[in-house]
Amino acid sequence: MPRKHTCPVCGKTFSSKSAEYEHFNREHVGKLDKDGLEYAVSVCILPWKMFRDCERVTKEAFEYAVSLGVSPEELLRVCRDNGTELLFDVEAWMREHRGQATLEAWVVG
């Protein structure tokens, strides 16, 4: 029976290591989503480090990190400092979660 190869992020199975590798690079490299962040946390990687090391971040990953107790201000600072693109309207998200405060009023320092 052929060995199954499982993506460590989403759990999809593949018949070859090369197919798994291609899937991982196409679907997960550089883009942080909730599943990827959950996996990182499960192997003891701090959420803010994932935001630092990824090129793009989804809204769901951002919200999940906040639900884990990471401050949105810190996540936003890490993203800005490292050129990480947020794949959602962060200003609208901040207003929604802080009443009508502007982004500048929310972000500390």
N, C-alpha and C. Protein backbone atom coordinates (compact mmCIF):
# COMPACT_ATOMS: atom_id res chain seq x y z
N MET A 1 0.84 -1.17 0.00
CA MET A 1 0.00 0.00 0.00
C MET A 1 0.89 1.24 0.00
N PRO A 2 0.65 2.20 -0.92
CA PRO A 2 1.49 3.40 -0.99
C PRO A 2 1.32 4.28 0.25
N ARG A 3 2.40 4.92 0.61
CA ARG A 3 2.38 5.80 1.78
C ARG A 3 1.65 7.09 1.44
N LYS A 4 0.84 7.57 2.37
CA LYS A 4 0.14 8.84 2.21
C LYS A 4 0.97 9.95 2.84
N HIS A 5 1.01 11.09 2.19
CA HIS A 5 1.72 12.26 2.69
C HIS A 5 0.67 13.30 3.05
N THR A 6 0.76 13.82 4.26
CA THR A 6 -0.25 14.74 4.77
C THR A 6 0.32 16.13 4.94
N CYS A 7 -0.41 17.12 4.45
CA CYS A 7 -0.01 18.52 4.63
C CYS A 7 -0.09 18.85 6.12
N PRO A 8 0.95 19.39 6.71
CA PRO A 8 0.93 19.70 8.14
C PRO A 8 0.02 20.87 8.49
N VAL A 9 -0.39 21.65 7.52
CA VAL A 9 -1.22 22.81 7.80
C VAL A 9 -2.71 22.48 7.70
N CYS A 10 -3.12 21.90 6.58
CA CYS A 10 -4.56 21.69 6.37
C CYS A 10 -5.00 20.24 6.46
N GLY A 11 -4.05 19.31 6.51
CA GLY A 11 -4.39 17.91 6.67
C GLY A 11 -4.76 17.16 5.40
N LYS A 12 -4.70 17.82 4.24
CA LYS A 12 -4.98 17.13 2.99
C LYS A 12 -3.91 16.07 2.76
N THR A 13 -4.32 14.94 2.15
CA THR A 13 -3.37 13.87 1.90
C THR A 13 -3.02 13.78 0.42
N PHE A 14 -1.80 13.34 0.17
CA PHE A 14 -1.27 13.25 -1.19
C PHE A 14 -0.55 11.92 -1.35
N SER A 15 -0.47 11.45 -2.59
CA SER A 15 0.16 10.16 -2.86
C SER A 15 1.68 10.26 -2.94
N SER A 16 2.21 11.46 -3.08
CA SER A 16 3.67 11.61 -3.14
C SER A 16 4.11 12.83 -2.34
N LYS A 17 5.35 12.78 -1.91
CA LYS A 17 5.93 13.91 -1.17
C LYS A 17 6.02 15.14 -2.06
N SER A 18 6.30 14.95 -3.34
CA SER A 18 6.42 16.10 -4.24
C SER A 18 5.06 16.78 -4.43
N ALA A 19 3.98 16.01 -4.48
CA ALA A 19 2.65 16.61 -4.61
C ALA A 19 2.29 17.40 -3.35
N GLU A 20 2.65 16.84 -2.19
CA GLU A 20 2.41 17.56 -0.94
C GLU A 20 3.22 18.86 -0.91
N TYR A 21 4.47 18.79 -1.34
CA TYR A 21 5.36 19.95 -1.35
C TYR A 21 4.82 21.05 -2.27
N GLU A 22 4.38 20.66 -3.47
CA GLU A 22 3.80 21.63 -4.41
C GLU A 22 2.55 22.28 -3.82
N HIS A 23 1.68 21.47 -3.21
CA HIS A 23 0.47 22.01 -2.57
C HIS A 23 0.85 22.99 -1.47
N PHE A 24 1.78 22.61 -0.61
CA PHE A 24 2.19 23.45 0.51
C PHE A 24 2.72 24.79 0.01
N ASN A 25 3.58 24.78 -0.99
CA ASN A 25 4.14 26.02 -1.54
C ASN A 25 3.06 26.88 -2.19
N ARG A 26 2.14 26.26 -2.91
CA ARG A 26 1.10 27.00 -3.62
C ARG A 26 0.05 27.58 -2.67
N GLU A 27 -0.35 26.80 -1.67
CA GLU A 27 -1.46 27.19 -0.82
C GLU A 27 -1.07 27.86 0.50
N HIS A 28 0.10 27.56 1.01
CA HIS A 28 0.40 28.00 2.38
C HIS A 28 1.62 28.90 2.54
N VAL A 29 2.60 28.78 1.70
CA VAL A 29 3.83 29.56 1.88
C VAL A 29 3.54 31.04 1.67
N GLY A 30 3.94 31.81 2.65
CA GLY A 30 3.79 33.25 2.55
C GLY A 30 2.43 33.78 2.97
N LYS A 31 1.43 32.91 3.07
CA LYS A 31 0.07 33.35 3.43
C LYS A 31 -0.31 32.70 4.75
N LEU A 32 -0.60 33.52 5.73
CA LEU A 32 -0.99 33.00 7.04
C LEU A 32 -2.51 33.05 7.14
N ASP A 33 -3.13 31.88 7.28
CA ASP A 33 -4.56 31.82 7.52
C ASP A 33 -4.80 31.20 8.90
N LYS A 34 -6.05 31.05 9.29
CA LYS A 34 -6.35 30.55 10.63
C LYS A 34 -5.79 29.14 10.84
N ASP A 35 -5.94 28.27 9.84
CA ASP A 35 -5.43 26.90 9.98
C ASP A 35 -3.92 26.90 10.19
N GLY A 36 -3.22 27.72 9.43
CA GLY A 36 -1.77 27.80 9.58
C GLY A 36 -1.36 28.33 10.95
N LEU A 37 -2.10 29.32 11.43
CA LEU A 37 -1.78 29.88 12.75
C LEU A 37 -2.10 28.86 13.84
N GLU A 38 -3.21 28.14 13.71
CA GLU A 38 -3.54 27.10 14.70
C GLU A 38 -2.44 26.05 14.74
N TYR A 39 -1.95 25.66 13.57
CA TYR A 39 -0.87 24.67 13.52
C TYR A 39 0.39 25.23 14.19
N ALA A 40 0.75 26.45 13.89
CA ALA A 40 1.94 27.06 14.47
C ALA A 40 1.84 27.10 15.99
N VAL A 41 0.67 27.50 16.50
CA VAL A 41 0.48 27.56 17.95
C VAL A 41 0.57 26.16 18.55
N SER A 42 0.06 25.15 17.82
CA SER A 42 0.10 23.77 18.33
C SER A 42 1.52 23.24 18.46
N VAL A 43 2.44 23.79 17.69
CA VAL A 43 3.85 23.38 17.80
C VAL A 43 4.69 24.45 18.51
N CYS A 44 4.01 25.28 19.30
CA CYS A 44 4.64 26.25 20.20
C CYS A 44 5.37 27.40 19.50
N ILE A 45 4.88 27.82 18.34
CA ILE A 45 5.40 29.02 17.71
C ILE A 45 4.50 30.18 18.13
N LEU A 46 5.08 31.24 18.62
CA LEU A 46 4.30 32.38 19.08
C LEU A 46 3.59 33.04 17.89
N PRO A 47 2.30 33.40 18.05
CA PRO A 47 1.54 33.98 16.93
C PRO A 47 2.21 35.19 16.29
N TRP A 48 2.74 36.11 17.09
CA TRP A 48 3.32 37.31 16.49
C TRP A 48 4.52 36.98 15.61
N LYS A 49 5.23 35.87 15.90
CA LYS A 49 6.34 35.47 15.04
C LYS A 49 5.85 35.04 13.67
N MET A 50 4.68 34.40 13.62
CA MET A 50 4.11 34.01 12.34
C MET A 50 3.74 35.25 11.52
N PHE A 51 3.23 36.28 12.18
CA PHE A 51 2.89 37.52 11.48
C PHE A 51 4.15 38.19 10.94
N ARG A 52 5.23 38.05 11.64
CA ARG A 52 6.51 38.62 11.20
C ARG A 52 7.05 37.89 9.98
N ASP A 53 6.88 36.58 9.93
CA ASP A 53 7.53 35.76 8.92
C ASP A 53 6.70 35.50 7.67
N CYS A 54 5.42 35.86 7.66
CA CYS A 54 4.59 35.62 6.48
C CYS A 54 4.46 36.90 5.66
N GLU A 55 4.19 36.73 4.38
CA GLU A 55 4.03 37.87 3.48
C GLU A 55 2.63 38.47 3.55
N ARG A 56 1.61 37.59 3.74
CA ARG A 56 0.22 38.04 3.73
C ARG A 56 -0.52 37.36 4.87
N VAL A 57 -1.49 38.08 5.46
CA VAL A 57 -2.25 37.56 6.60
C VAL A 57 -3.74 37.75 6.34
N THR A 58 -4.53 36.70 6.59
CA THR A 58 -5.98 36.80 6.42
C THR A 58 -6.63 37.41 7.66
N LYS A 59 -7.84 37.87 7.48
CA LYS A 59 -8.62 38.44 8.58
C LYS A 59 -8.84 37.39 9.67
N GLU A 60 -9.13 36.15 9.26
CA GLU A 60 -9.39 35.08 10.23
C GLU A 60 -8.17 34.81 11.10
N ALA A 61 -6.97 34.84 10.51
CA ALA A 61 -5.75 34.63 11.29
C ALA A 61 -5.54 35.77 12.28
N PHE A 62 -5.79 37.00 11.82
CA PHE A 62 -5.65 38.17 12.69
C PHE A 62 -6.61 38.04 13.88
N GLU A 63 -7.88 37.71 13.60
CA GLU A 63 -8.87 37.58 14.66
C GLU A 63 -8.54 36.44 15.61
N TYR A 64 -8.03 35.34 15.07
CA TYR A 64 -7.65 34.20 15.91
C TYR A 64 -6.51 34.59 16.85
N ALA A 65 -5.52 35.29 16.34
CA ALA A 65 -4.40 35.71 17.18
C ALA A 65 -4.89 36.64 18.30
N VAL A 66 -5.82 37.54 17.97
CA VAL A 66 -6.39 38.43 18.98
C VAL A 66 -7.15 37.60 20.02
N SER A 67 -7.88 36.57 19.57
CA SER A 67 -8.63 35.73 20.52
C SER A 67 -7.70 34.97 21.46
N LEU A 68 -6.44 34.76 21.04
CA LEU A 68 -5.45 34.10 21.90
C LEU A 68 -4.81 35.06 22.90
N GLY A 69 -5.17 36.34 22.79
CA GLY A 69 -4.66 37.32 23.74
C GLY A 69 -3.56 38.21 23.21
N VAL A 70 -3.21 38.07 21.94
CA VAL A 70 -2.21 38.95 21.35
C VAL A 70 -2.89 40.27 21.03
N SER A 71 -2.27 41.36 21.41
CA SER A 71 -2.91 42.66 21.18
C SER A 71 -2.92 43.00 19.69
N PRO A 72 -4.06 43.53 19.21
CA PRO A 72 -4.12 43.93 17.80
C PRO A 72 -3.09 45.00 17.47
N GLU A 73 -2.79 45.85 18.44
CA GLU A 73 -1.79 46.89 18.23
C GLU A 73 -0.43 46.27 17.93
N GLU A 74 -0.07 45.23 18.71
CA GLU A 74 1.22 44.57 18.51
C GLU A 74 1.26 43.87 17.15
N LEU A 75 0.16 43.19 16.78
CA LEU A 75 0.11 42.52 15.48
C LEU A 75 0.27 43.52 14.35
N LEU A 76 -0.43 44.62 14.45
CA LEU A 76 -0.37 45.64 13.42
C LEU A 76 1.04 46.23 13.33
N ARG A 77 1.67 46.47 14.47
CA ARG A 77 3.03 46.99 14.49
C ARG A 77 4.00 46.00 13.83
N VAL A 78 3.86 44.72 14.19
CA VAL A 78 4.73 43.69 13.60
C VAL A 78 4.54 43.64 12.09
N CYS A 79 3.29 43.70 11.65
CA CYS A 79 3.01 43.67 10.20
C CYS A 79 3.63 44.88 9.51
N ARG A 80 3.45 46.05 10.07
CA ARG A 80 4.01 47.26 9.46
C ARG A 80 5.53 47.24 9.44
N ASP A 81 6.13 46.81 10.54
CA ASP A 81 7.59 46.78 10.64
C ASP A 81 8.22 45.80 9.65
N ASN A 82 7.49 44.74 9.31
CA ASN A 82 8.05 43.68 8.46
C ASN A 82 7.47 43.65 7.06
N GLY A 83 6.62 44.62 6.73
CA GLY A 83 6.05 44.68 5.39
C GLY A 83 5.03 43.59 5.10
N THR A 84 4.42 43.04 6.15
CA THR A 84 3.41 42.00 5.99
C THR A 84 2.10 42.63 5.54
N GLU A 85 1.53 42.10 4.48
CA GLU A 85 0.28 42.62 3.94
C GLU A 85 -0.91 41.98 4.65
N LEU A 86 -1.84 42.81 5.12
CA LEU A 86 -3.07 42.31 5.71
C LEU A 86 -4.11 42.21 4.60
N LEU A 87 -4.69 41.02 4.40
CA LEU A 87 -5.61 40.77 3.30
C LEU A 87 -7.05 41.14 3.64
N PHE A 88 -7.20 42.23 4.37
CA PHE A 88 -8.53 42.76 4.70
C PHE A 88 -8.36 44.23 5.05
N ASP A 89 -9.47 44.92 5.16
CA ASP A 89 -9.45 46.34 5.48
C ASP A 89 -9.24 46.50 6.98
N VAL A 90 -7.99 46.68 7.38
CA VAL A 90 -7.65 46.74 8.80
C VAL A 90 -8.28 47.96 9.47
N GLU A 91 -8.39 49.06 8.75
CA GLU A 91 -9.02 50.26 9.34
C GLU A 91 -10.47 49.99 9.71
N ALA A 92 -11.21 49.34 8.81
CA ALA A 92 -12.61 49.01 9.08
C ALA A 92 -12.71 48.03 10.24
N TRP A 93 -11.80 47.07 10.29
CA TRP A 93 -11.81 46.09 11.38
C TRP A 93 -11.56 46.78 12.71
N MET A 94 -10.61 47.70 12.74
CA MET A 94 -10.30 48.43 13.98
C MET A 94 -11.50 49.27 14.43
N ARG A 95 -12.13 49.97 13.47
CA ARG A 95 -13.31 50.78 13.83
C ARG A 95 -14.43 49.91 14.38
N GLU A 96 -14.64 48.77 13.76
CA GLU A 96 -15.70 47.85 14.18
C GLU A 96 -15.47 47.36 15.61
N HIS A 97 -14.21 47.16 15.96
CA HIS A 97 -13.89 46.62 17.28
C HIS A 97 -13.53 47.69 18.31
N ARG A 98 -13.49 48.92 17.89
CA ARG A 98 -13.18 50.02 18.80
C ARG A 98 -14.16 51.17 18.64
N GLY A 99 -15.39 50.88 18.29
CA GLY A 99 -16.35 51.95 18.06
C GLY A 99 -15.95 52.75 16.84
N GLN A 100 -15.94 54.04 16.96
CA GLN A 100 -15.59 54.90 15.83
C GLN A 100 -14.20 55.50 15.93
N ALA A 101 -13.37 54.92 16.79
CA ALA A 101 -11.99 55.44 16.94
C ALA A 101 -11.23 55.27 15.64
N THR A 102 -10.39 56.22 15.36
CA THR A 102 -9.54 56.12 14.16
C THR A 102 -8.43 55.13 14.42
N LEU A 103 -7.80 54.66 13.39
CA LEU A 103 -6.69 53.74 13.53
C LEU A 103 -5.56 54.37 14.33
N GLU A 104 -5.31 55.65 14.10
CA GLU A 104 -4.24 56.32 14.84
C GLU A 104 -4.54 56.36 16.34
N ALA A 105 -5.81 56.49 16.71
CA ALA A 105 -6.17 56.52 18.13
C ALA A 105 -5.97 55.15 18.77
N TRP A 106 -6.15 54.07 17.98
CA TRP A 106 -5.99 52.73 18.52
C TRP A 106 -4.53 52.34 18.68
N VAL A 107 -3.74 52.60 17.66
CA VAL A 107 -2.36 52.15 17.66
C VAL A 107 -1.54 52.98 18.64
N VAL A 108 -0.88 52.29 19.53
CA VAL A 108 -0.07 52.96 20.55
C VAL A 108 1.34 53.15 20.02
N GLY A 109 1.85 54.37 20.15
CA GLY A 109 3.23 54.66 19.78
C GLY A 109 3.46 54.47 18.33
